[in-house]
């Protein structure tokens, strides 16, 4: 059994995680007698959170099953878009700008810049949040049930990518959540917060919101119309390009 070699074939976007010689082709790989499908697939570079289905000897099987029981294994990505009834995310420390953009769109996004991997995995698992990261190793942690490896490096592109993958545009509620702390915003009378406003804002603005969590005050600045136009364009882009097949 020590010399057992199985045939693997990874489909679609899962090839992003493989070295070039193993992409889009069938290849053989050694398997130990106690290795599970999950262990082997992740040892080849593909985190379990990216796997939509596994067919072994032509039938669907669970990742926890022993790999040595099979001869041919095909691994498929999730069908996209992955539609979420209640999209909630946790972003790792390198995705701070993406987290802020998701919050700007009203999407519940947990983020702490200095959170370590165990903390991120715990929040994702305990609060059933999709873990967003570019760290493949983090997605391989056993306790992480829902996650996605963000391919893009630039924040705007990351937002388009995540929005498209999870069909987020129907869930957009712009400017209803604090970009700093993720708290919900609520309208607040001007007279209650006038003393905290800059003089020009106090003279020229009349509508304000305040974060229920951190107390930060928001109003529509000169950039508001530009941001709304950017959000409308994002909605149109994700409708026209609903995700990777």
C-alpha atoms as a PDB file:
ATOM      1  CA  UNK A   1       0.000   0.000   0.000  1.00  0.00           C
ATOM      2  CA  UNK A   2       2.982   2.322   0.591  1.00  0.00           C
ATOM      3  CA  UNK A   3       3.640   2.428  -3.152  1.00  0.00           C
ATOM      4  CA  UNK A   4       0.048   3.194  -4.129  1.00  0.00           C
ATOM      5  CA  UNK A   5      -0.348   5.905  -6.753  1.00  0.00           C
ATOM      6  CA  UNK A   6      -3.725   7.366  -7.679  1.00  0.00           C
ATOM      7  CA  UNK A   7      -4.827   9.376 -10.673  1.00  0.00           C
ATOM      8  CA  UNK A   8      -6.026  12.928  -9.995  1.00  0.00           C
ATOM      9  CA  UNK A   9      -7.691  15.504 -12.226  1.00  0.00           C
ATOM     10  CA  UNK A  10      -8.570  18.993 -11.000  1.00  0.00           C
ATOM     11  CA  UNK A  11     -11.142  21.053 -12.860  1.00  0.00           C
ATOM     12  CA  UNK A  12     -11.768  24.741 -13.475  1.00  0.00           C
ATOM     13  CA  UNK A  13     -10.409  27.369 -11.119  1.00  0.00           C
ATOM     14  CA  UNK A  14      -8.864  24.744  -8.821  1.00  0.00           C
ATOM     15  CA  UNK A  15      -5.992  24.687 -11.296  1.00  0.00           C
ATOM     16  CA  UNK A  16      -5.001  28.113  -9.926  1.00  0.00           C
ATOM     17  CA  UNK A  17      -3.443  26.275  -6.979  1.00  0.00           C
ATOM     18  CA  UNK A  18      -1.494  23.661  -8.924  1.00  0.00           C
ATOM     19  CA  UNK A  19       1.957  23.822 -10.529  1.00  0.00           C
ATOM     20  CA  UNK A  20       1.772  24.181 -14.339  1.00  0.00           C
ATOM     21  CA  UNK A  21       2.541  20.507 -15.173  1.00  0.00           C
ATOM     22  CA  UNK A  22      -0.521  19.359 -13.178  1.00  0.00           C
ATOM     23  CA  UNK A  23      -3.057  21.843 -14.525  1.00  0.00           C
ATOM     24  CA  UNK A  24      -5.998  20.591 -16.600  1.00  0.00           C
ATOM     25  CA  UNK A  25      -4.517  17.121 -17.015  1.00  0.00           C
ATOM     26  CA  UNK A  26      -4.763  13.768 -15.285  1.00  0.00           C
ATOM     27  CA  UNK A  27      -1.653  12.975 -13.229  1.00  0.00           C
ATOM     28  CA  UNK A  28      -0.553  10.366 -10.720  1.00  0.00           C
ATOM     29  CA  UNK A  29       0.323  11.075  -7.094  1.00  0.00           C
ATOM     30  CA  UNK A  30       1.380   8.778  -4.235  1.00  0.00           C
ATOM     31  CA  UNK A  31      -1.108   8.129  -1.428  1.00  0.00           C
ATOM     32  CA  UNK A  32      -0.496   6.691   2.027  1.00  0.00           C
ATOM     33  CA  UNK A  33      -2.762   4.048   3.567  1.00  0.00           C
ATOM     34  CA  UNK A  34      -4.324   6.451   6.100  1.00  0.00           C
ATOM     35  CA  UNK A  35      -4.563   9.573   3.919  1.00  0.00           C
ATOM     36  CA  UNK A  36      -8.035  11.022   3.455  1.00  0.00           C
ATOM     37  CA  UNK A  37      -9.176  12.686   0.261  1.00  0.00           C
ATOM     38  CA  UNK A  38      -8.988  16.037   2.077  1.00  0.00           C
ATOM     39  CA  UNK A  39      -5.399  15.426   3.168  1.00  0.00           C
ATOM     40  CA  UNK A  40      -4.213  14.489  -0.312  1.00  0.00           C
ATOM     41  CA  UNK A  41      -6.077  17.276  -2.085  1.00  0.00           C
ATOM     42  CA  UNK A  42      -4.664  19.868   0.308  1.00  0.00           C
ATOM     43  CA  UNK A  43      -1.166  18.384   0.064  1.00  0.00           C
ATOM     44  CA  UNK A  44      -1.414  19.067  -3.664  1.00  0.00           C
ATOM     45  CA  UNK A  45      -2.129  22.732  -2.887  1.00  0.00           C
ATOM     46  CA  UNK A  46      -5.922  23.042  -3.043  1.00  0.00           C
ATOM     47  CA  UNK A  47      -7.652  24.144   0.209  1.00  0.00           C
ATOM     48  CA  UNK A  48     -10.810  22.234   1.106  1.00  0.00           C
ATOM     49  CA  UNK A  49     -12.861  25.451   1.121  1.00  0.00           C
ATOM     50  CA  UNK A  50     -12.364  25.725  -2.652  1.00  0.00           C
ATOM     51  CA  UNK A  51     -13.621  22.207  -3.365  1.00  0.00           C
ATOM     52  CA  UNK A  52     -17.233  21.887  -4.495  1.00  0.00           C
ATOM     53  CA  UNK A  53     -17.328  18.128  -5.121  1.00  0.00           C
ATOM     54  CA  UNK A  54     -15.079  15.087  -5.355  1.00  0.00           C
ATOM     55  CA  UNK A  55     -15.787  12.160  -7.671  1.00  0.00           C
ATOM     56  CA  UNK A  56     -13.826   9.008  -6.867  1.00  0.00           C
ATOM     57  CA  UNK A  57     -14.123   6.054  -9.252  1.00  0.00           C
ATOM     58  CA  UNK A  58     -16.948   7.949 -10.951  1.00  0.00           C
ATOM     59  CA  UNK A  59     -19.111   8.548  -7.856  1.00  0.00           C
ATOM     60  CA  UNK A  60     -19.368  11.482  -5.462  1.00  0.00           C
ATOM     61  CA  UNK A  61     -17.602  11.015  -2.140  1.00  0.00           C
ATOM     62  CA  UNK A  62     -16.922  12.955   1.054  1.00  0.00           C
ATOM     63  CA  UNK A  63     -13.534  14.553   1.704  1.00  0.00           C
ATOM     64  CA  UNK A  64     -13.185  12.602   4.939  1.00  0.00           C
ATOM     65  CA  UNK A  65     -13.077   9.225   3.158  1.00  0.00           C
ATOM     66  CA  UNK A  66      -9.799   7.286   2.730  1.00  0.00           C
ATOM     67  CA  UNK A  67      -8.116   8.105  -0.558  1.00  0.00           C
ATOM     68  CA  UNK A  68      -6.569   4.639  -0.835  1.00  0.00           C
ATOM     69  CA  UNK A  69     -10.019   3.118  -1.454  1.00  0.00           C
ATOM     70  CA  UNK A  70     -10.072   4.628  -4.952  1.00  0.00           C
ATOM     71  CA  UNK A  71      -8.087   4.610  -8.176  1.00  0.00           C
ATOM     72  CA  UNK A  72      -9.278   7.731 -10.044  1.00  0.00           C
ATOM     73  CA  UNK A  73     -10.206  11.008  -8.367  1.00  0.00           C
ATOM     74  CA  UNK A  74     -11.676  14.120  -9.975  1.00  0.00           C
ATOM     75  CA  UNK A  75     -11.954  17.328  -7.982  1.00  0.00           C
ATOM     76  CA  UNK A  76     -14.415  20.056  -8.942  1.00  0.00           C
ATOM     77  CA  UNK A  77     -14.745  23.692  -7.808  1.00  0.00           C
ATOM     78  CA  UNK A  78     -17.940  25.240  -6.470  1.00  0.00           C
ATOM     79  CA  UNK A  79     -20.494  26.244  -9.043  1.00  0.00           C
ATOM     80  CA  UNK A  80     -20.512  30.011  -9.307  1.00  0.00           C
ATOM     81  CA  UNK A  81     -21.922  32.312  -8.299  1.00  0.00           C
ATOM     82  CA  UNK A  82     -22.081  30.936  -4.777  1.00  0.00           C
ATOM     83  CA  UNK A  83     -25.311  32.516  -3.582  1.00  0.00           C
ATOM     84  CA  UNK A  84     -25.522  33.378   0.115  1.00  0.00           C
ATOM     85  CA  UNK A  85     -28.851  34.095   1.796  1.00  0.00           C
ATOM     86  CA  UNK A  86     -27.116  36.129   4.519  1.00  0.00           C
ATOM     87  CA  UNK A  87     -23.612  37.112   3.357  1.00  0.00           C
ATOM     88  CA  UNK A  88     -21.276  37.650   6.306  1.00  0.00           C
ATOM     89  CA  UNK A  89     -17.515  37.768   6.028  1.00  0.00           C
ATOM     90  CA  UNK A  90     -14.281  37.825   7.976  1.00  0.00           C
ATOM     91  CA  UNK A  91     -11.265  39.339   6.222  1.00  0.00           C
ATOM     92  CA  UNK A  92      -7.671  38.702   7.191  1.00  0.00           C
ATOM     93  CA  UNK A  93      -5.242  41.458   8.136  1.00  0.00           C
ATOM     94  CA  UNK A  94      -3.997  41.987   4.578  1.00  0.00           C
ATOM     95  CA  UNK A  95      -7.479  42.753   3.204  1.00  0.00           C
ATOM     96  CA  UNK A  96      -8.288  45.880   5.202  1.00  0.00           C
ATOM     97  CA  UNK A  97      -9.307  47.978   2.218  1.00  0.00           C
ATOM     98  CA  UNK A  98     -11.531  45.183   0.885  1.00  0.00           C
ATOM     99  CA  UNK A  99     -13.157  44.924   4.322  1.00  0.00           C
ATOM    100  CA  UNK A 100     -13.838  48.673   4.297  1.00  0.00           C
ATOM    101  CA  UNK A 101     -15.397  48.493   0.829  1.00  0.00           C
ATOM    102  CA  UNK A 102     -17.641  45.593   1.831  1.00  0.00           C
ATOM    103  CA  UNK A 103     -18.774  47.555   4.886  1.00  0.00           C
ATOM    104  CA  UNK A 104     -19.403  50.616   2.715  1.00  0.00           C
ATOM    105  CA  UNK A 105     -21.814  48.436   0.736  1.00  0.00           C
ATOM    106  CA  UNK A 106     -23.592  47.457   3.940  1.00  0.00           C
ATOM    107  CA  UNK A 107     -22.155  43.931   4.139  1.00  0.00           C
ATOM    108  CA  UNK A 108     -21.383  42.532   7.592  1.00  0.00           C
ATOM    109  CA  UNK A 109     -17.577  42.139   7.599  1.00  0.00           C
ATOM    110  CA  UNK A 110     -15.469  41.268  10.645  1.00  0.00           C
ATOM    111  CA  UNK A 111     -11.934  42.678  10.487  1.00  0.00           C
ATOM    112  CA  UNK A 112      -9.087  43.167  12.939  1.00  0.00           C
ATOM    113  CA  UNK A 113      -5.770  44.141  11.411  1.00  0.00           C
ATOM    114  CA  UNK A 114      -3.648  42.219  13.927  1.00  0.00           C
ATOM    115  CA  UNK A 115      -5.834  39.108  14.244  1.00  0.00           C
ATOM    116  CA  UNK A 116      -3.750  35.941  13.941  1.00  0.00           C
ATOM    117  CA  UNK A 117      -4.707  32.794  12.040  1.00  0.00           C
ATOM    118  CA  UNK A 118      -6.278  30.946  15.004  1.00  0.00           C
ATOM    119  CA  UNK A 119      -8.435  33.997  15.769  1.00  0.00           C
ATOM    120  CA  UNK A 120      -9.559  34.372  12.145  1.00  0.00           C
ATOM    121  CA  UNK A 121     -10.386  30.678  11.882  1.00  0.00           C
ATOM    122  CA  UNK A 122     -12.282  30.778  15.184  1.00  0.00           C
ATOM    123  CA  UNK A 123     -14.408  33.776  14.158  1.00  0.00           C
ATOM    124  CA  UNK A 124     -15.142  32.243  10.764  1.00  0.00           C
ATOM    125  CA  UNK A 125     -16.202  28.933  12.298  1.00  0.00           C
ATOM    126  CA  UNK A 126     -17.978  30.265  15.388  1.00  0.00           C
ATOM    127  CA  UNK A 127     -19.953  32.970  13.582  1.00  0.00           C
ATOM    128  CA  UNK A 128     -20.386  31.043  10.300  1.00  0.00           C
ATOM    129  CA  UNK A 129     -18.676  33.752   8.285  1.00  0.00           C
ATOM    130  CA  UNK A 130     -16.954  33.257   4.938  1.00  0.00           C
ATOM    131  CA  UNK A 131     -13.227  33.715   5.492  1.00  0.00           C
ATOM    132  CA  UNK A 132     -11.642  35.923   2.816  1.00  0.00           C
ATOM    133  CA  UNK A 133      -7.880  35.667   2.475  1.00  0.00           C
ATOM    134  CA  UNK A 134      -5.024  35.323   0.013  1.00  0.00           C
ATOM    135  CA  UNK A 135      -3.299  32.906   2.413  1.00  0.00           C
ATOM    136  CA  UNK A 136      -3.937  29.368   1.138  1.00  0.00           C
ATOM    137  CA  UNK A 137      -2.533  27.882   4.339  1.00  0.00           C
ATOM    138  CA  UNK A 138      -5.135  29.690   6.429  1.00  0.00           C
ATOM    139  CA  UNK A 139      -7.945  28.158   4.369  1.00  0.00           C
ATOM    140  CA  UNK A 140      -6.529  24.682   5.034  1.00  0.00           C
ATOM    141  CA  UNK A 141      -7.112  24.956   8.793  1.00  0.00           C
ATOM    142  CA  UNK A 142      -9.484  22.217   9.878  1.00  0.00           C
ATOM    143  CA  UNK A 143     -11.965  24.477  11.675  1.00  0.00           C
ATOM    144  CA  UNK A 144     -12.525  26.737   8.650  1.00  0.00           C
ATOM    145  CA  UNK A 145     -15.752  25.590   7.007  1.00  0.00           C
ATOM    146  CA  UNK A 146     -16.436  28.487   4.634  1.00  0.00           C
ATOM    147  CA  UNK A 147     -13.709  30.417   2.874  1.00  0.00           C
ATOM    148  CA  UNK A 148     -12.476  31.848  -0.374  1.00  0.00           C
ATOM    149  CA  UNK A 149      -8.998  32.572  -1.690  1.00  0.00           C
ATOM    150  CA  UNK A 150      -9.065  36.073  -3.176  1.00  0.00           C
ATOM    151  CA  UNK A 151      -7.023  36.019  -6.379  1.00  0.00           C
ATOM    152  CA  UNK A 152      -6.799  39.743  -7.138  1.00  0.00           C
ATOM    153  CA  UNK A 153      -4.121  41.901  -5.537  1.00  0.00           C
ATOM    154  CA  UNK A 154      -5.762  45.333  -5.894  1.00  0.00           C
ATOM    155  CA  UNK A 155      -8.635  46.289  -3.536  1.00  0.00           C
ATOM    156  CA  UNK A 156     -11.048  47.475  -6.252  1.00  0.00           C
ATOM    157  CA  UNK A 157     -10.473  44.289  -8.222  1.00  0.00           C
ATOM    158  CA  UNK A 158     -10.857  42.234  -5.045  1.00  0.00           C
ATOM    159  CA  UNK A 159     -14.260  43.799  -4.418  1.00  0.00           C
ATOM    160  CA  UNK A 160     -15.402  43.049  -7.971  1.00  0.00           C
ATOM    161  CA  UNK A 161     -14.155  39.492  -7.620  1.00  0.00           C
ATOM    162  CA  UNK A 162     -15.854  38.808  -4.292  1.00  0.00           C
ATOM    163  CA  UNK A 163     -19.057  40.565  -5.336  1.00  0.00           C
ATOM    164  CA  UNK A 164     -19.234  38.498  -8.510  1.00  0.00           C
ATOM    165  CA  UNK A 165     -18.411  35.178  -6.858  1.00  0.00           C
ATOM    166  CA  UNK A 166     -21.040  35.513  -4.140  1.00  0.00           C
ATOM    167  CA  UNK A 167     -23.679  37.407  -6.165  1.00  0.00           C
ATOM    168  CA  UNK A 168     -23.631  40.225  -3.625  1.00  0.00           C
ATOM    169  CA  UNK A 169     -25.322  43.036  -5.548  1.00  0.00           C
ATOM    170  CA  UNK A 170     -28.872  42.180  -4.308  1.00  0.00           C
ATOM    171  CA  UNK A 171     -27.521  42.556  -0.765  1.00  0.00           C
ATOM    172  CA  UNK A 172     -25.969  45.973  -1.268  1.00  0.00           C
ATOM    173  CA  UNK A 173     -27.184  48.588   1.246  1.00  0.00           C
ATOM    174  CA  UNK A 174     -24.690  51.416   0.743  1.00  0.00           C
ATOM    175  CA  UNK A 175     -23.742  53.705   3.628  1.00  0.00           C
ATOM    176  CA  UNK A 176     -25.650  51.773   6.290  1.00  0.00           C
ATOM    177  CA  UNK A 177     -22.607  50.364   8.083  1.00  0.00           C
ATOM    178  CA  UNK A 178     -19.547  51.950   9.665  1.00  0.00           C
ATOM    179  CA  UNK A 179     -16.430  51.437   7.548  1.00  0.00           C
ATOM    180  CA  UNK A 180     -14.253  51.614  10.663  1.00  0.00           C
ATOM    181  CA  UNK A 181     -15.915  49.173  13.059  1.00  0.00           C
ATOM    182  CA  UNK A 182     -18.712  47.397  11.089  1.00  0.00           C
ATOM    183  CA  UNK A 183     -21.458  48.829  13.326  1.00  0.00           C
ATOM    184  CA  UNK A 184     -24.837  49.801  11.892  1.00  0.00           C
ATOM    185  CA  UNK A 185     -25.572  53.453  11.196  1.00  0.00           C
ATOM    186  CA  UNK A 186     -28.732  55.236  12.322  1.00  0.00           C
ATOM    187  CA  UNK A 187     -30.019  58.745  11.572  1.00  0.00           C
ATOM    188  CA  UNK A 188     -29.248  61.319  14.240  1.00  0.00           C
ATOM    189  CA  UNK A 189     -30.714  64.840  14.640  1.00  0.00           C
ATOM    190  CA  UNK A 190     -28.243  67.585  13.880  1.00  0.00           C
ATOM    191  CA  UNK A 191     -28.822  69.255  17.231  1.00  0.00           C
ATOM    192  CA  UNK A 192     -27.589  66.162  19.062  1.00  0.00           C
ATOM    193  CA  UNK A 193     -24.190  66.153  17.415  1.00  0.00           C
ATOM    194  CA  UNK A 194     -23.701  69.789  16.302  1.00  0.00           C
ATOM    195  CA  UNK A 195     -20.936  70.402  18.837  1.00  0.00           C
ATOM    196  CA  UNK A 196     -18.842  67.595  17.338  1.00  0.00           C
ATOM    197  CA  UNK A 197     -19.040  68.832  13.744  1.00  0.00           C
ATOM    198  CA  UNK A 198     -16.445  70.891  11.866  1.00  0.00           C
ATOM    199  CA  UNK A 199     -17.687  74.482  11.412  1.00  0.00           C
ATOM    200  CA  UNK A 200     -18.194  74.243   7.632  1.00  0.00           C
ATOM    201  CA  UNK A 201     -20.075  70.930   7.961  1.00  0.00           C
ATOM    202  CA  UNK A 202     -22.266  72.361  10.704  1.00  0.00           C
ATOM    203  CA  UNK A 203     -23.171  75.285   8.447  1.00  0.00           C
ATOM    204  CA  UNK A 204     -23.758  73.396   5.198  1.00  0.00           C
ATOM    205  CA  UNK A 205     -25.084  69.909   6.123  1.00  0.00           C
ATOM    206  CA  UNK A 206     -28.354  68.886   7.749  1.00  0.00           C
ATOM    207  CA  UNK A 207     -28.551  65.075   7.465  1.00  0.00           C
ATOM    208  CA  UNK A 208     -26.314  62.885   9.619  1.00  0.00           C
ATOM    209  CA  UNK A 209     -25.895  59.295  10.731  1.00  0.00           C
ATOM    210  CA  UNK A 210     -24.076  57.907  13.729  1.00  0.00           C
ATOM    211  CA  UNK A 211     -22.576  54.477  14.289  1.00  0.00           C
ATOM    212  CA  UNK A 212     -24.432  52.593  17.007  1.00  0.00           C
ATOM    213  CA  UNK A 213     -21.208  50.876  17.997  1.00  0.00           C
ATOM    214  CA  UNK A 214     -18.347  53.402  17.952  1.00  0.00           C
ATOM    215  CA  UNK A 215     -20.337  56.656  17.761  1.00  0.00           C
ATOM    216  CA  UNK A 216     -18.590  57.988  14.644  1.00  0.00           C
ATOM    217  CA  UNK A 217     -20.640  60.588  12.764  1.00  0.00           C
ATOM    218  CA  UNK A 218     -21.202  60.452   9.003  1.00  0.00           C
ATOM    219  CA  UNK A 219     -22.629  62.866   6.448  1.00  0.00           C
ATOM    220  CA  UNK A 220     -22.777  63.145   2.671  1.00  0.00           C
ATOM    221  CA  UNK A 221     -19.569  64.784   1.542  1.00  0.00           C
ATOM    222  CA  UNK A 222     -18.468  65.897  -1.895  1.00  0.00           C
ATOM    223  CA  UNK A 223     -17.439  62.325  -2.721  1.00  0.00           C
ATOM    224  CA  UNK A 224     -20.907  60.830  -2.066  1.00  0.00           C
ATOM    225  CA  UNK A 225     -22.251  61.125  -5.627  1.00  0.00           C
ATOM    226  CA  UNK A 226     -19.003  59.721  -7.039  1.00  0.00           C
ATOM    227  CA  UNK A 227     -19.170  56.735  -4.713  1.00  0.00           C
ATOM    228  CA  UNK A 228     -22.800  56.049  -5.655  1.00  0.00           C
ATOM    229  CA  UNK A 229     -21.879  56.056  -9.328  1.00  0.00           C
ATOM    230  CA  UNK A 230     -19.019  53.651  -8.625  1.00  0.00           C
ATOM    231  CA  UNK A 231     -21.414  51.327  -6.766  1.00  0.00           C
ATOM    232  CA  UNK A 232     -23.908  51.398  -9.663  1.00  0.00           C
ATOM    233  CA  UNK A 233     -21.115  50.475 -12.051  1.00  0.00           C
ATOM    234  CA  UNK A 234     -20.108  47.629  -9.754  1.00  0.00           C
ATOM    235  CA  UNK A 235     -23.683  46.338  -9.722  1.00  0.00           C
ATOM    236  CA  UNK A 236     -23.809  46.402 -13.521  1.00  0.00           C
ATOM    237  CA  UNK A 237     -20.467  44.639 -13.823  1.00  0.00           C
ATOM    238  CA  UNK A 238     -21.482  41.791 -11.514  1.00  0.00           C
ATOM    239  CA  UNK A 239     -24.801  41.343 -13.323  1.00  0.00           C
ATOM    240  CA  UNK A 240     -23.024  41.092 -16.680  1.00  0.00           C
ATOM    241  CA  UNK A 241     -20.271  38.862 -15.274  1.00  0.00           C
ATOM    242  CA  UNK A 242     -21.906  36.653 -12.605  1.00  0.00           C
ATOM    243  CA  UNK A 243     -18.796  34.668 -11.668  1.00  0.00           C
ATOM    244  CA  UNK A 244     -16.325  32.111 -12.883  1.00  0.00           C
ATOM    245  CA  UNK A 245     -17.623  28.821 -14.201  1.00  0.00           C
END
